[in-house]
C-alpha cells in the first residue's frame, strides 16, 4: 500500500470520527485492502455477549443471529472470566489463531453454525478500547479460499491501530457533546421564554421558537445587521452594553445583567436578562465568547395563569352543577299511593 493510499484511508478514518455514518465506508475500504469479504465494528459486553455493531454492508440476518444466539457462544470471548480477561486487555492486532487454535475453532459450534453460514474462515481482530465491561473491536473476515491473514495484513493493521483508536475516542467525545447539545436545544425550543444565543458583539447565533416569533413580530426586539437589538437607540444601547459586559475578554469581568423593554403591544414590559455563557476557544485563532439573552413576556405568563384559572373555575362550576342535580333528585318527595302518573 503506497503512502497516498494510506493517507487517503486515514482521511476517511478521521472523517468517521466526526461523521459516524462514514464508518461503513471505512470498513469497506479496509476489507478491500486486506482481501477480506466482510468487516464489522462492534461494541460488546464481554460477560453477556450483548452489544451492537456497524457493518461494511448491512446484514440483518447475521446481526440478528449473532446477538440472538451466538453472542454468548463466541469462542473469541472469555465469558467465563470476563473481568480477568479485561484486566489484561490491551489495544492490539490479532488473528483468530492468536485467540484459539484453528483446529479447535473448526470443531466449535460457533464456527460451524455461524461463521461457515456467512463464509467466514479467518478473522483479523483490532482491539480498540474498553468501556466498562464492553470491548470495542473491529473485525475483518476472510473466506477459506483466501486463506489466513499473514504478516503483511497484520503490519498494516498495526500501522492503522493508533489512528483507529484515536478516531473512536474522538467520535465518542463528539457523540457525548451532541447529546448534551441536542438536549439543551430541545429544552430551549420548548421554553415559553425567548432565548437567544449571541456572541460578544451581539451577533445572533441561535434563537428558540419563541425567540424567532418575537423577532418576526417586529416589535421592540429586532435584528440589526445580524445583531440582536432593540427598536430605539437608547434601548439598543443598553442591550448592547449588557451583551458586551457578559462577553468581556477577561473572565473576571464577565457579568450578567437585566433590563426592561417597554413594548407598546403589551400591557407589561418585556423582561430581558443577559447571562454569560461560554468563553472557550471553538476555532483556531478565535475565542467565541457567547451569552444567552432571555426575554420574558409577563403578559404570556399571565395569560397562561388566567387560562389555568378559567379551566379550574369551569371544572368547579361543573362539579357544583352536578352536585345540585344529584341533590335535587334526592329531595323529590315520593308520590302518595294511588296518585296518577
C-alpha atoms as a PDB file:
ATOM      1  CA  UNK A   1       0.000   0.000   0.000  1.00  0.00           C
ATOM      2  CA  UNK A   2       1.592   3.291  -1.093  1.00  0.00           C
ATOM      3  CA  UNK A   3       1.705   6.461   1.013  1.00  0.00           C
ATOM      4  CA  UNK A   4      -1.018   8.232  -0.958  1.00  0.00           C
ATOM      5  CA  UNK A   5      -3.460   5.364  -0.468  1.00  0.00           C
ATOM      6  CA  UNK A   6      -2.588   5.163   3.227  1.00  0.00           C
ATOM      7  CA  UNK A   7      -3.161   8.895   3.708  1.00  0.00           C
ATOM      8  CA  UNK A   8      -6.454   8.613   1.854  1.00  0.00           C
ATOM      9  CA  UNK A   9      -7.529   5.864   4.237  1.00  0.00           C
ATOM     10  CA  UNK A  10      -6.544   7.984   7.255  1.00  0.00           C
ATOM     11  CA  UNK A  11      -8.658  10.828   5.895  1.00  0.00           C
ATOM     12  CA  UNK A  12     -11.654   8.504   5.888  1.00  0.00           C
ATOM     13  CA  UNK A  13     -10.884   7.170   9.364  1.00  0.00           C
ATOM     14  CA  UNK A  14     -10.736  10.634  10.921  1.00  0.00           C
ATOM     15  CA  UNK A  15     -13.728  11.740   8.887  1.00  0.00           C
ATOM     16  CA  UNK A  16     -15.719   8.933  10.538  1.00  0.00           C
ATOM     17  CA  UNK A  17     -14.777  10.337  13.957  1.00  0.00           C
ATOM     18  CA  UNK A  18     -16.840  13.434  13.186  1.00  0.00           C
ATOM     19  CA  UNK A  19     -19.462  11.719  10.998  1.00  0.00           C
ATOM     20  CA  UNK A  20     -20.306   8.186  12.244  1.00  0.00           C
ATOM     21  CA  UNK A  21     -22.251   7.417   9.070  1.00  0.00           C
ATOM     22  CA  UNK A  22     -18.877   7.191   7.289  1.00  0.00           C
ATOM     23  CA  UNK A  23     -17.775   4.091   9.243  1.00  0.00           C
ATOM     24  CA  UNK A  24     -19.266   1.613   6.733  1.00  0.00           C
ATOM     25  CA  UNK A  25     -17.133   3.229   4.011  1.00  0.00           C
ATOM     26  CA  UNK A  26     -14.018   2.907   6.196  1.00  0.00           C
ATOM     27  CA  UNK A  27     -14.828  -0.747   6.846  1.00  0.00           C
ATOM     28  CA  UNK A  28     -15.366  -1.429   3.143  1.00  0.00           C
ATOM     29  CA  UNK A  29     -12.003   0.143   2.305  1.00  0.00           C
ATOM     30  CA  UNK A  30     -10.228  -1.917   4.963  1.00  0.00           C
ATOM     31  CA  UNK A  31     -11.877  -5.073   3.638  1.00  0.00           C
ATOM     32  CA  UNK A  32     -10.759  -4.302   0.083  1.00  0.00           C
ATOM     33  CA  UNK A  33      -7.177  -3.550   1.146  1.00  0.00           C
ATOM     34  CA  UNK A  34      -6.808  -6.800   3.084  1.00  0.00           C
ATOM     35  CA  UNK A  35      -8.607  -9.195   0.748  1.00  0.00           C
ATOM     36  CA  UNK A  36     -11.473  -9.542   3.211  1.00  0.00           C
ATOM     37  CA  UNK A  37     -15.072 -10.099   2.257  1.00  0.00           C
ATOM     38  CA  UNK A  38     -16.568  -8.554   5.366  1.00  0.00           C
ATOM     39  CA  UNK A  39     -15.844  -6.082   8.170  1.00  0.00           C
ATOM     40  CA  UNK A  40     -17.677  -5.116  11.346  1.00  0.00           C
ATOM     41  CA  UNK A  41     -17.068  -2.630  14.157  1.00  0.00           C
ATOM     42  CA  UNK A  42     -18.624  -3.850  17.409  1.00  0.00           C
ATOM     43  CA  UNK A  43     -19.126  -2.771  20.983  1.00  0.00           C
ATOM     44  CA  UNK A  44     -19.849  -5.881  23.001  1.00  0.00           C
ATOM     45  CA  UNK A  45     -20.184  -6.809  26.654  1.00  0.00           C
ATOM     46  CA  UNK A  46     -17.540  -9.426  27.397  1.00  0.00           C
ATOM     47  CA  UNK A  47     -19.677 -11.021  30.099  1.00  0.00           C
ATOM     48  CA  UNK A  48     -23.120 -11.188  28.455  1.00  0.00           C
ATOM     49  CA  UNK A  49     -22.102 -11.031  24.797  1.00  0.00           C
ATOM     50  CA  UNK A  50     -24.709  -8.377  24.070  1.00  0.00           C
ATOM     51  CA  UNK A  51     -23.892  -5.253  22.086  1.00  0.00           C
ATOM     52  CA  UNK A  52     -24.231  -3.552  18.727  1.00  0.00           C
ATOM     53  CA  UNK A  53     -22.292  -3.395  15.500  1.00  0.00           C
ATOM     54  CA  UNK A  54     -21.706  -1.438  12.300  1.00  0.00           C
ATOM     55  CA  UNK A  55     -21.042  -3.485   9.159  1.00  0.00           C
ATOM     56  CA  UNK A  56     -19.382  -2.620   5.879  1.00  0.00           C
ATOM     57  CA  UNK A  57     -22.554  -3.901   4.252  1.00  0.00           C
ATOM     58  CA  UNK A  58     -25.808  -4.296   6.130  1.00  0.00           C
ATOM     59  CA  UNK A  59     -26.564  -7.903   7.025  1.00  0.00           C
ATOM     60  CA  UNK A  60     -29.649  -8.043   9.255  1.00  0.00           C
ATOM     61  CA  UNK A  61     -29.629 -11.855   9.260  1.00  0.00           C
ATOM     62  CA  UNK A  62     -26.078 -12.056  10.645  1.00  0.00           C
ATOM     63  CA  UNK A  63     -26.737  -9.344  13.229  1.00  0.00           C
ATOM     64  CA  UNK A  64     -29.962 -10.955  14.446  1.00  0.00           C
ATOM     65  CA  UNK A  65     -28.482 -14.451  14.545  1.00  0.00           C
ATOM     66  CA  UNK A  66     -25.339 -13.317  16.346  1.00  0.00           C
ATOM     67  CA  UNK A  67     -26.942 -11.234  19.095  1.00  0.00           C
ATOM     68  CA  UNK A  68     -29.956 -13.512  19.293  1.00  0.00           C
ATOM     69  CA  UNK A  69     -27.984 -16.722  19.891  1.00  0.00           C
ATOM     70  CA  UNK A  70     -24.255 -16.800  19.176  1.00  0.00           C
ATOM     71  CA  UNK A  71     -23.099 -13.780  21.186  1.00  0.00           C
ATOM     72  CA  UNK A  72     -22.787 -16.000  24.259  1.00  0.00           C
ATOM     73  CA  UNK A  73     -21.172 -18.810  22.238  1.00  0.00           C
ATOM     74  CA  UNK A  74     -18.423 -16.716  20.635  1.00  0.00           C
ATOM     75  CA  UNK A  75     -15.206 -18.671  21.198  1.00  0.00           C
ATOM     76  CA  UNK A  76     -13.200 -15.444  20.898  1.00  0.00           C
ATOM     77  CA  UNK A  77     -14.753 -14.142  24.123  1.00  0.00           C
ATOM     78  CA  UNK A  78     -13.734 -15.233  27.589  1.00  0.00           C
ATOM     79  CA  UNK A  79     -17.190 -15.041  29.121  1.00  0.00           C
ATOM     80  CA  UNK A  80     -16.309 -17.475  31.940  1.00  0.00           C
ATOM     81  CA  UNK A  81     -13.830 -14.998  33.415  1.00  0.00           C
ATOM     82  CA  UNK A  82     -14.571 -11.745  31.619  1.00  0.00           C
ATOM     83  CA  UNK A  83     -13.279  -9.452  34.371  1.00  0.00           C
ATOM     84  CA  UNK A  84      -9.903 -11.170  34.446  1.00  0.00           C
ATOM     85  CA  UNK A  85      -9.716 -11.010  30.666  1.00  0.00           C
ATOM     86  CA  UNK A  86     -10.498  -7.301  30.649  1.00  0.00           C
ATOM     87  CA  UNK A  87      -7.856  -6.567  33.279  1.00  0.00           C
ATOM     88  CA  UNK A  88      -5.197  -7.776  30.842  1.00  0.00           C
ATOM     89  CA  UNK A  89      -6.858  -6.280  27.754  1.00  0.00           C
ATOM     90  CA  UNK A  90      -4.535  -4.143  25.655  1.00  0.00           C
ATOM     91  CA  UNK A  91      -5.051  -2.462  22.264  1.00  0.00           C
ATOM     92  CA  UNK A  92      -3.563  -4.785  19.686  1.00  0.00           C
ATOM     93  CA  UNK A  93      -3.945  -6.505  16.325  1.00  0.00           C
ATOM     94  CA  UNK A  94      -4.567 -10.257  16.443  1.00  0.00           C
ATOM     95  CA  UNK A  95      -5.743 -13.070  14.230  1.00  0.00           C
ATOM     96  CA  UNK A  96      -8.200 -15.772  15.229  1.00  0.00           C
ATOM     97  CA  UNK A  97      -5.220 -18.099  15.740  1.00  0.00           C
ATOM     98  CA  UNK A  98      -3.848 -15.833  18.472  1.00  0.00           C
ATOM     99  CA  UNK A  99      -7.089 -16.464  20.359  1.00  0.00           C
ATOM    100  CA  UNK A 100      -7.731 -20.149  19.649  1.00  0.00           C
ATOM    101  CA  UNK A 101      -6.048 -22.897  17.653  1.00  0.00           C
ATOM    102  CA  UNK A 102      -7.574 -23.258  14.186  1.00  0.00           C
ATOM    103  CA  UNK A 103      -8.276 -26.967  14.739  1.00  0.00           C
ATOM    104  CA  UNK A 104     -10.223 -26.176  17.908  1.00  0.00           C
ATOM    105  CA  UNK A 105     -12.052 -23.301  16.226  1.00  0.00           C
ATOM    106  CA  UNK A 106     -13.187 -25.518  13.349  1.00  0.00           C
ATOM    107  CA  UNK A 107     -14.687 -28.026  15.779  1.00  0.00           C
ATOM    108  CA  UNK A 108     -16.729 -25.374  17.610  1.00  0.00           C
ATOM    109  CA  UNK A 109     -20.441 -24.726  17.273  1.00  0.00           C
ATOM    110  CA  UNK A 110     -19.631 -21.061  16.665  1.00  0.00           C
ATOM    111  CA  UNK A 111     -17.550 -21.858  13.594  1.00  0.00           C
ATOM    112  CA  UNK A 112     -19.827 -24.490  12.077  1.00  0.00           C
ATOM    113  CA  UNK A 113     -23.207 -22.884  12.713  1.00  0.00           C
ATOM    114  CA  UNK A 114     -22.350 -19.211  12.487  1.00  0.00           C
ATOM    115  CA  UNK A 115     -19.031 -18.482  10.785  1.00  0.00           C
ATOM    116  CA  UNK A 116     -19.490 -21.027   7.999  1.00  0.00           C
ATOM    117  CA  UNK A 117     -23.003 -19.794   7.369  1.00  0.00           C
ATOM    118  CA  UNK A 118     -21.526 -16.451   6.310  1.00  0.00           C
ATOM    119  CA  UNK A 119     -18.403 -17.916   4.696  1.00  0.00           C
ATOM    120  CA  UNK A 120     -16.031 -16.704   7.445  1.00  0.00           C
ATOM    121  CA  UNK A 121     -12.902 -18.783   7.922  1.00  0.00           C
ATOM    122  CA  UNK A 122     -10.286 -16.344   9.242  1.00  0.00           C
ATOM    123  CA  UNK A 123     -10.583 -13.196  11.369  1.00  0.00           C
ATOM    124  CA  UNK A 124      -8.265 -10.203  11.770  1.00  0.00           C
ATOM    125  CA  UNK A 125      -9.042  -8.520  15.103  1.00  0.00           C
ATOM    126  CA  UNK A 126      -8.346  -4.875  16.009  1.00  0.00           C
ATOM    127  CA  UNK A 127      -8.736  -4.269  19.752  1.00  0.00           C
ATOM    128  CA  UNK A 128      -9.578  -0.592  20.090  1.00  0.00           C
ATOM    129  CA  UNK A 129     -10.924   0.185  23.564  1.00  0.00           C
ATOM    130  CA  UNK A 130     -12.550  -0.972  26.788  1.00  0.00           C
ATOM    131  CA  UNK A 131     -15.638   0.880  28.047  1.00  0.00           C
ATOM    132  CA  UNK A 132     -16.759  -0.597  31.350  1.00  0.00           C
ATOM    133  CA  UNK A 133     -17.400  -4.271  30.650  1.00  0.00           C
ATOM    134  CA  UNK A 134     -17.614  -3.615  26.902  1.00  0.00           C
ATOM    135  CA  UNK A 135     -14.859  -4.071  24.362  1.00  0.00           C
ATOM    136  CA  UNK A 136     -14.718  -2.135  21.107  1.00  0.00           C
ATOM    137  CA  UNK A 137     -13.350  -4.319  18.324  1.00  0.00           C
ATOM    138  CA  UNK A 138     -13.016  -4.085  14.563  1.00  0.00           C
ATOM    139  CA  UNK A 139     -13.081  -7.483  12.839  1.00  0.00           C
ATOM    140  CA  UNK A 140     -12.154  -8.307   9.247  1.00  0.00           C
ATOM    141  CA  UNK A 141     -13.337 -11.616   7.757  1.00  0.00           C
ATOM    142  CA  UNK A 142     -11.828 -13.853   5.093  1.00  0.00           C
ATOM    143  CA  UNK A 143     -13.155 -16.878   3.281  1.00  0.00           C
ATOM    144  CA  UNK A 144     -11.428 -20.259   3.396  1.00  0.00           C
ATOM    145  CA  UNK A 145     -10.404 -19.765  -0.243  1.00  0.00           C
ATOM    146  CA  UNK A 146      -8.458 -16.586   0.615  1.00  0.00           C
ATOM    147  CA  UNK A 147      -6.642 -18.332   3.465  1.00  0.00           C
ATOM    148  CA  UNK A 148      -5.365 -16.931   6.722  1.00  0.00           C
ATOM    149  CA  UNK A 149      -4.148 -13.383   7.325  1.00  0.00           C
ATOM    150  CA  UNK A 150      -0.371 -13.088   7.016  1.00  0.00           C
ATOM    151  CA  UNK A 151       2.318 -10.690   8.238  1.00  0.00           C
ATOM    152  CA  UNK A 152       1.612  -8.003   5.619  1.00  0.00           C
ATOM    153  CA  UNK A 153      -2.032  -7.591   6.704  1.00  0.00           C
ATOM    154  CA  UNK A 154      -1.058  -7.687  10.385  1.00  0.00           C
ATOM    155  CA  UNK A 155       1.613  -4.995   9.823  1.00  0.00           C
ATOM    156  CA  UNK A 156      -0.920  -2.813   8.008  1.00  0.00           C
ATOM    157  CA  UNK A 157      -3.279  -3.317  10.931  1.00  0.00           C
ATOM    158  CA  UNK A 158      -0.599  -2.263  13.416  1.00  0.00           C
ATOM    159  CA  UNK A 159       0.094   0.900  11.408  1.00  0.00           C
ATOM    160  CA  UNK A 160      -3.609   1.755  11.406  1.00  0.00           C
ATOM    161  CA  UNK A 161      -4.349   0.794  15.016  1.00  0.00           C
ATOM    162  CA  UNK A 162      -3.394   4.080  16.763  1.00  0.00           C
ATOM    163  CA  UNK A 163      -5.426   6.038  14.218  1.00  0.00           C
ATOM    164  CA  UNK A 164      -8.478   3.810  14.651  1.00  0.00           C
ATOM    165  CA  UNK A 165      -8.201   4.135  18.433  1.00  0.00           C
ATOM    166  CA  UNK A 166      -7.929   7.903  18.199  1.00  0.00           C
ATOM    167  CA  UNK A 167     -10.852   8.142  15.776  1.00  0.00           C
ATOM    168  CA  UNK A 168     -13.070   6.078  18.067  1.00  0.00           C
ATOM    169  CA  UNK A 169     -12.089   8.157  21.109  1.00  0.00           C
ATOM    170  CA  UNK A 170     -12.731  11.460  19.322  1.00  0.00           C
ATOM    171  CA  UNK A 171     -16.013  10.099  17.966  1.00  0.00           C
ATOM    172  CA  UNK A 172     -17.162   9.227  21.492  1.00  0.00           C
ATOM    173  CA  UNK A 173     -16.412  12.766  22.662  1.00  0.00           C
ATOM    174  CA  UNK A 174     -18.276  14.241  19.715  1.00  0.00           C
ATOM    175  CA  UNK A 175     -21.239  11.963  20.431  1.00  0.00           C
ATOM    176  CA  UNK A 176     -21.350  12.997  24.106  1.00  0.00           C
ATOM    177  CA  UNK A 177     -21.227  16.659  23.116  1.00  0.00           C
ATOM    178  CA  UNK A 178     -24.054  16.127  20.611  1.00  0.00           C
ATOM    179  CA  UNK A 179     -26.240  14.504  23.272  1.00  0.00           C
ATOM    180  CA  UNK A 180     -25.826  17.490  25.587  1.00  0.00           C
ATOM    181  CA  UNK A 181     -26.279  19.993  22.757  1.00  0.00           C
ATOM    182  CA  UNK A 182     -29.401  18.256  21.445  1.00  0.00           C
ATOM    183  CA  UNK A 183     -30.910  18.071  24.941  1.00  0.00           C
ATOM    184  CA  UNK A 184     -30.240  21.745  25.644  1.00  0.00           C
ATOM    185  CA  UNK A 185     -31.556  22.772  22.221  1.00  0.00           C
ATOM    186  CA  UNK A 186     -34.738  20.745  22.740  1.00  0.00           C
ATOM    187  CA  UNK A 187     -35.271  22.324  26.181  1.00  0.00           C
ATOM    188  CA  UNK A 188     -34.684  25.799  24.731  1.00  0.00           C
ATOM    189  CA  UNK A 189     -37.171  25.237  21.939  1.00  0.00           C
ATOM    190  CA  UNK A 190     -39.866  24.182  24.417  1.00  0.00           C
ATOM    191  CA  UNK A 191     -39.316  27.204  26.653  1.00  0.00           C
ATOM    192  CA  UNK A 192     -42.102  29.811  26.795  1.00  0.00           C
ATOM    193  CA  UNK A 193     -39.382  32.478  27.015  1.00  0.00           C
ATOM    194  CA  UNK A 194     -37.471  33.919  24.100  1.00  0.00           C
ATOM    195  CA  UNK A 195     -33.934  32.521  24.291  1.00  0.00           C
ATOM    196  CA  UNK A 196     -31.145  33.898  22.115  1.00  0.00           C
ATOM    197  CA  UNK A 197     -27.504  32.818  21.951  1.00  0.00           C
ATOM    198  CA  UNK A 198     -25.290  35.708  20.852  1.00  0.00           C
ATOM    199  CA  UNK A 199     -21.551  36.264  20.529  1.00  0.00           C
ATOM    200  CA  UNK A 200     -19.608  39.010  22.321  1.00  0.00           C
ATOM    201  CA  UNK A 201     -20.819  41.718  19.927  1.00  0.00           C
ATOM    202  CA  UNK A 202     -24.438  40.555  19.856  1.00  0.00           C
ATOM    203  CA  UNK A 203     -24.425  38.580  16.594  1.00  0.00           C
ATOM    204  CA  UNK A 204     -27.288  36.108  16.745  1.00  0.00           C
ATOM    205  CA  UNK A 205     -26.073  32.503  16.782  1.00  0.00           C
ATOM    206  CA  UNK A 206     -29.313  30.750  17.715  1.00  0.00           C
ATOM    207  CA  UNK A 207     -32.884  31.588  18.678  1.00  0.00           C
ATOM    208  CA  UNK A 208     -35.527  29.249  20.010  1.00  0.00           C
ATOM    209  CA  UNK A 209     -39.081  29.042  18.670  1.00  0.00           C
ATOM    210  CA  UNK A 210     -40.427  31.727  20.994  1.00  0.00           C
ATOM    211  CA  UNK A 211     -37.475  33.984  20.238  1.00  0.00           C
ATOM    212  CA  UNK A 212     -37.972  33.671  16.485  1.00  0.00           C
ATOM    213  CA  UNK A 213     -41.644  34.546  16.938  1.00  0.00           C
ATOM    214  CA  UNK A 214     -40.667  37.665  18.912  1.00  0.00           C
ATOM    215  CA  UNK A 215     -38.341  38.793  16.135  1.00  0.00           C
ATOM    216  CA  UNK A 216     -40.934  38.061  13.442  1.00  0.00           C
ATOM    217  CA  UNK A 217     -43.473  40.248  15.270  1.00  0.00           C
ATOM    218  CA  UNK A 218     -41.283  43.317  14.514  1.00  0.00           C
ATOM    219  CA  UNK A 219     -41.919  44.728  17.974  1.00  0.00           C
ATOM    220  CA  UNK A 220     -39.440  46.292  20.351  1.00  0.00           C
ATOM    221  CA  UNK A 221     -36.941  43.430  19.809  1.00  0.00           C
ATOM    222  CA  UNK A 222     -35.305  43.111  16.389  1.00  0.00           C
ATOM    223  CA  UNK A 223     -32.209  42.197  14.387  1.00  0.00           C
ATOM    224  CA  UNK A 224     -29.931  44.896  13.029  1.00  0.00           C
ATOM    225  CA  UNK A 225     -27.108  43.782  10.727  1.00  0.00           C
ATOM    226  CA  UNK A 226     -27.394  40.294  12.192  1.00  0.00           C
ATOM    227  CA  UNK A 227     -27.137  41.560  15.780  1.00  0.00           C
ATOM    228  CA  UNK A 228     -29.794  41.354  18.467  1.00  0.00           C
ATOM    229  CA  UNK A 229     -31.022  44.859  19.136  1.00  0.00           C
ATOM    230  CA  UNK A 230     -33.978  46.960  20.247  1.00  0.00           C
ATOM    231  CA  UNK A 231     -36.303  49.375  18.467  1.00  0.00           C
ATOM    232  CA  UNK A 232     -34.993  52.664  19.903  1.00  0.00           C
ATOM    233  CA  UNK A 233     -31.377  53.894  20.127  1.00  0.00           C
ATOM    234  CA  UNK A 234     -31.375  54.208  23.918  1.00  0.00           C
ATOM    235  CA  UNK A 235     -32.790  50.693  24.484  1.00  0.00           C
ATOM    236  CA  UNK A 236     -30.475  49.273  21.815  1.00  0.00           C
ATOM    237  CA  UNK A 237     -27.505  50.901  23.552  1.00  0.00           C
ATOM    238  CA  UNK A 238     -28.439  49.445  26.937  1.00  0.00           C
ATOM    239  CA  UNK A 239     -28.908  45.952  25.484  1.00  0.00           C
ATOM    240  CA  UNK A 240     -25.598  46.228  23.615  1.00  0.00           C
ATOM    241  CA  UNK A 241     -23.883  47.239  26.862  1.00  0.00           C
ATOM    242  CA  UNK A 242     -25.252  44.214  28.738  1.00  0.00           C
ATOM    243  CA  UNK A 243     -24.126  41.857  25.973  1.00  0.00           C
ATOM    244  CA  UNK A 244     -20.688  43.478  25.826  1.00  0.00           C
ATOM    245  CA  UNK A 245     -20.282  43.153  29.602  1.00  0.00           C
ATOM    246  CA  UNK A 246     -21.336  39.479  29.518  1.00  0.00           C
ATOM    247  CA  UNK A 247     -18.804  38.818  26.746  1.00  0.00           C
ATOM    248  CA  UNK A 248     -15.777  40.587  28.230  1.00  0.00           C
ATOM    249  CA  UNK A 249     -12.359  39.183  27.324  1.00  0.00           C
ATOM    250  CA  UNK A 250     -11.347  38.913  30.982  1.00  0.00           C
ATOM    251  CA  UNK A 251     -13.447  36.169  32.625  1.00  0.00           C
ATOM    252  CA  UNK A 252     -13.284  38.047  35.942  1.00  0.00           C
ATOM    253  CA  UNK A 253     -15.146  40.975  34.358  1.00  0.00           C
ATOM    254  CA  UNK A 254     -17.854  38.892  32.704  1.00  0.00           C
ATOM    255  CA  UNK A 255     -21.128  39.569  34.477  1.00  0.00           C
ATOM    256  CA  UNK A 256     -24.796  39.284  33.662  1.00  0.00           C
ATOM    257  CA  UNK A 257     -27.444  41.918  33.897  1.00  0.00           C
ATOM    258  CA  UNK A 258     -31.063  42.722  33.191  1.00  0.00           C
ATOM    259  CA  UNK A 259     -33.296  45.465  31.829  1.00  0.00           C
ATOM    260  CA  UNK A 260     -36.881  46.048  30.764  1.00  0.00           C
ATOM    261  CA  UNK A 261     -38.064  46.717  27.235  1.00  0.00           C
ATOM    262  CA  UNK A 262     -41.280  48.781  27.171  1.00  0.00           C
ATOM    263  CA  UNK A 263     -43.432  47.343  24.435  1.00  0.00           C
ATOM    264  CA  UNK A 264     -46.485  49.159  23.067  1.00  0.00           C
ATOM    265  CA  UNK A 265     -48.097  45.875  22.132  1.00  0.00           C
ATOM    266  CA  UNK A 266     -48.035  44.510  25.683  1.00  0.00           C
ATOM    267  CA  UNK A 267     -49.602  45.559  28.946  1.00  0.00           C
ATOM    268  CA  UNK A 268     -46.342  44.946  30.771  1.00  0.00           C
ATOM    269  CA  UNK A 269     -42.738  45.486  29.575  1.00  0.00           C
ATOM    270  CA  UNK A 270     -40.586  42.600  28.377  1.00  0.00           C
ATOM    271  CA  UNK A 271     -38.037  41.441  30.956  1.00  0.00           C
ATOM    272  CA  UNK A 272     -34.547  40.913  29.491  1.00  0.00           C
ATOM    273  CA  UNK A 273     -31.752  39.002  31.263  1.00  0.00           C
ATOM    274  CA  UNK A 274     -28.276  38.550  29.771  1.00  0.00           C
ATOM    275  CA  UNK A 275     -26.185  35.658  31.120  1.00  0.00           C
ATOM    276  CA  UNK A 276     -22.510  34.907  30.290  1.00  0.00           C
ATOM    277  CA  UNK A 277     -22.192  31.515  28.653  1.00  0.00           C
ATOM    278  CA  UNK A 278     -19.054  30.117  27.006  1.00  0.00           C
ATOM    279  CA  UNK A 279     -15.621  31.685  26.767  1.00  0.00           C
ATOM    280  CA  UNK A 280     -13.751  28.654  25.469  1.00  0.00           C
ATOM    281  CA  UNK A 281     -11.991  28.548  22.148  1.00  0.00           C
ATOM    282  CA  UNK A 282     -14.125  26.975  19.447  1.00  0.00           C
ATOM    283  CA  UNK A 283     -11.916  27.505  16.409  1.00  0.00           C
ATOM    284  CA  UNK A 284      -8.294  28.133  15.550  1.00  0.00           C
ATOM    285  CA  UNK A 285      -7.201  31.747  16.321  1.00  0.00           C
ATOM    286  CA  UNK A 286     -10.576  32.687  17.842  1.00  0.00           C
ATOM    287  CA  UNK A 287     -12.251  32.513  21.219  1.00  0.00           C
ATOM    288  CA  UNK A 288     -16.012  32.680  20.901  1.00  0.00           C
ATOM    289  CA  UNK A 289     -17.419  34.427  23.960  1.00  0.00           C
ATOM    290  CA  UNK A 290     -21.136  33.761  23.903  1.00  0.00           C
ATOM    291  CA  UNK A 291     -24.026  34.859  26.068  1.00  0.00           C
ATOM    292  CA  UNK A 292     -27.646  33.869  26.487  1.00  0.00           C
ATOM    293  CA  UNK A 293     -30.304  36.555  26.292  1.00  0.00           C
ATOM    294  CA  UNK A 294     -33.566  35.514  27.934  1.00  0.00           C
ATOM    295  CA  UNK A 295     -36.634  37.625  27.104  1.00  0.00           C
ATOM    296  CA  UNK A 296     -39.746  37.037  29.206  1.00  0.00           C
ATOM    297  CA  UNK A 297     -43.164  38.305  28.253  1.00  0.00           C
ATOM    298  CA  UNK A 298     -45.134  38.724  31.522  1.00  0.00           C
ATOM    299  CA  UNK A 299     -48.356  39.002  29.515  1.00  0.00           C
ATOM    300  CA  UNK A 300     -47.853  35.480  28.158  1.00  0.00           C
ATOM    301  CA  UNK A 301     -47.203  34.146  31.630  1.00  0.00           C
ATOM    302  CA  UNK A 302     -50.303  35.931  32.920  1.00  0.00           C
ATOM    303  CA  UNK A 303     -52.378  34.573  30.059  1.00  0.00           C
ATOM    304  CA  UNK A 304     -51.283  31.031  30.892  1.00  0.00           C
ATOM    305  CA  UNK A 305     -52.153  31.571  34.540  1.00  0.00           C
ATOM    306  CA  UNK A 306     -55.519  33.023  33.584  1.00  0.00           C
ATOM    307  CA  UNK A 307     -56.232  30.084  31.286  1.00  0.00           C
ATOM    308  CA  UNK A 308     -55.494  27.653  34.087  1.00  0.00           C
ATOM    309  CA  UNK A 309     -57.689  29.613  36.477  1.00  0.00           C
ATOM    310  CA  UNK A 310     -60.524  29.675  33.966  1.00  0.00           C
ATOM    311  CA  UNK A 311     -60.234  25.941  33.457  1.00  0.00           C
ATOM    312  CA  UNK A 312     -60.280  25.398  37.194  1.00  0.00           C
ATOM    313  CA  UNK A 313     -63.380  27.590  37.537  1.00  0.00           C
ATOM    314  CA  UNK A 314     -65.152  25.661  34.770  1.00  0.00           C
ATOM    315  CA  UNK A 315     -64.366  22.362  36.462  1.00  0.00           C
ATOM    316  CA  UNK A 316     -65.582  23.651  39.818  1.00  0.00           C
ATOM    317  CA  UNK A 317     -68.743  25.010  38.236  1.00  0.00           C
ATOM    318  CA  UNK A 318     -69.368  21.690  36.541  1.00  0.00           C
ATOM    319  CA  UNK A 319     -68.875  19.884  39.830  1.00  0.00           C
ATOM    320  CA  UNK A 320     -71.319  22.206  41.633  1.00  0.00           C
ATOM    321  CA  UNK A 321     -73.945  21.766  38.924  1.00  0.00           C
ATOM    322  CA  UNK A 322     -73.588  18.036  39.161  1.00  0.00           C
ATOM    323  CA  UNK A 323     -73.958  18.169  42.923  1.00  0.00           C
ATOM    324  CA  UNK A 324     -77.051  20.349  42.649  1.00  0.00           C
ATOM    325  CA  UNK A 325     -78.548  17.925  40.132  1.00  0.00           C
ATOM    326  CA  UNK A 326     -77.950  14.940  42.390  1.00  0.00           C
ATOM    327  CA  UNK A 327     -79.262  16.892  45.366  1.00  0.00           C
ATOM    328  CA  UNK A 328     -82.486  17.959  43.635  1.00  0.00           C
ATOM    329  CA  UNK A 329     -83.197  14.388  42.620  1.00  0.00           C
ATOM    330  CA  UNK A 330     -82.687  13.200  46.138  1.00  0.00           C
ATOM    331  CA  UNK A 331     -85.222  15.684  47.568  1.00  0.00           C
ATOM    332  CA  UNK A 332     -88.173  14.827  45.248  1.00  0.00           C
ATOM    333  CA  UNK A 333     -90.891  13.594  47.625  1.00  0.00           C
ATOM    334  CA  UNK A 334     -92.368  10.144  46.975  1.00  0.00           C
ATOM    335  CA  UNK A 335     -95.761  10.068  45.322  1.00  0.00           C
ATOM    336  CA  UNK A 336     -98.630   9.038  47.588  1.00  0.00           C
ATOM    337  CA  UNK A 337    -100.216   5.647  46.931  1.00  0.00           C
ATOM    338  CA  UNK A 338    -102.763   5.720  44.145  1.00  0.00           C
ATOM    339  CA  UNK A 339    -101.567   9.004  42.678  1.00  0.00           C
ATOM    340  CA  UNK A 340    -101.932   9.294  38.939  1.00  0.00           C
ATOM    341  CA  UNK A 341     -98.873   9.476  36.741  1.00  0.00           C
END
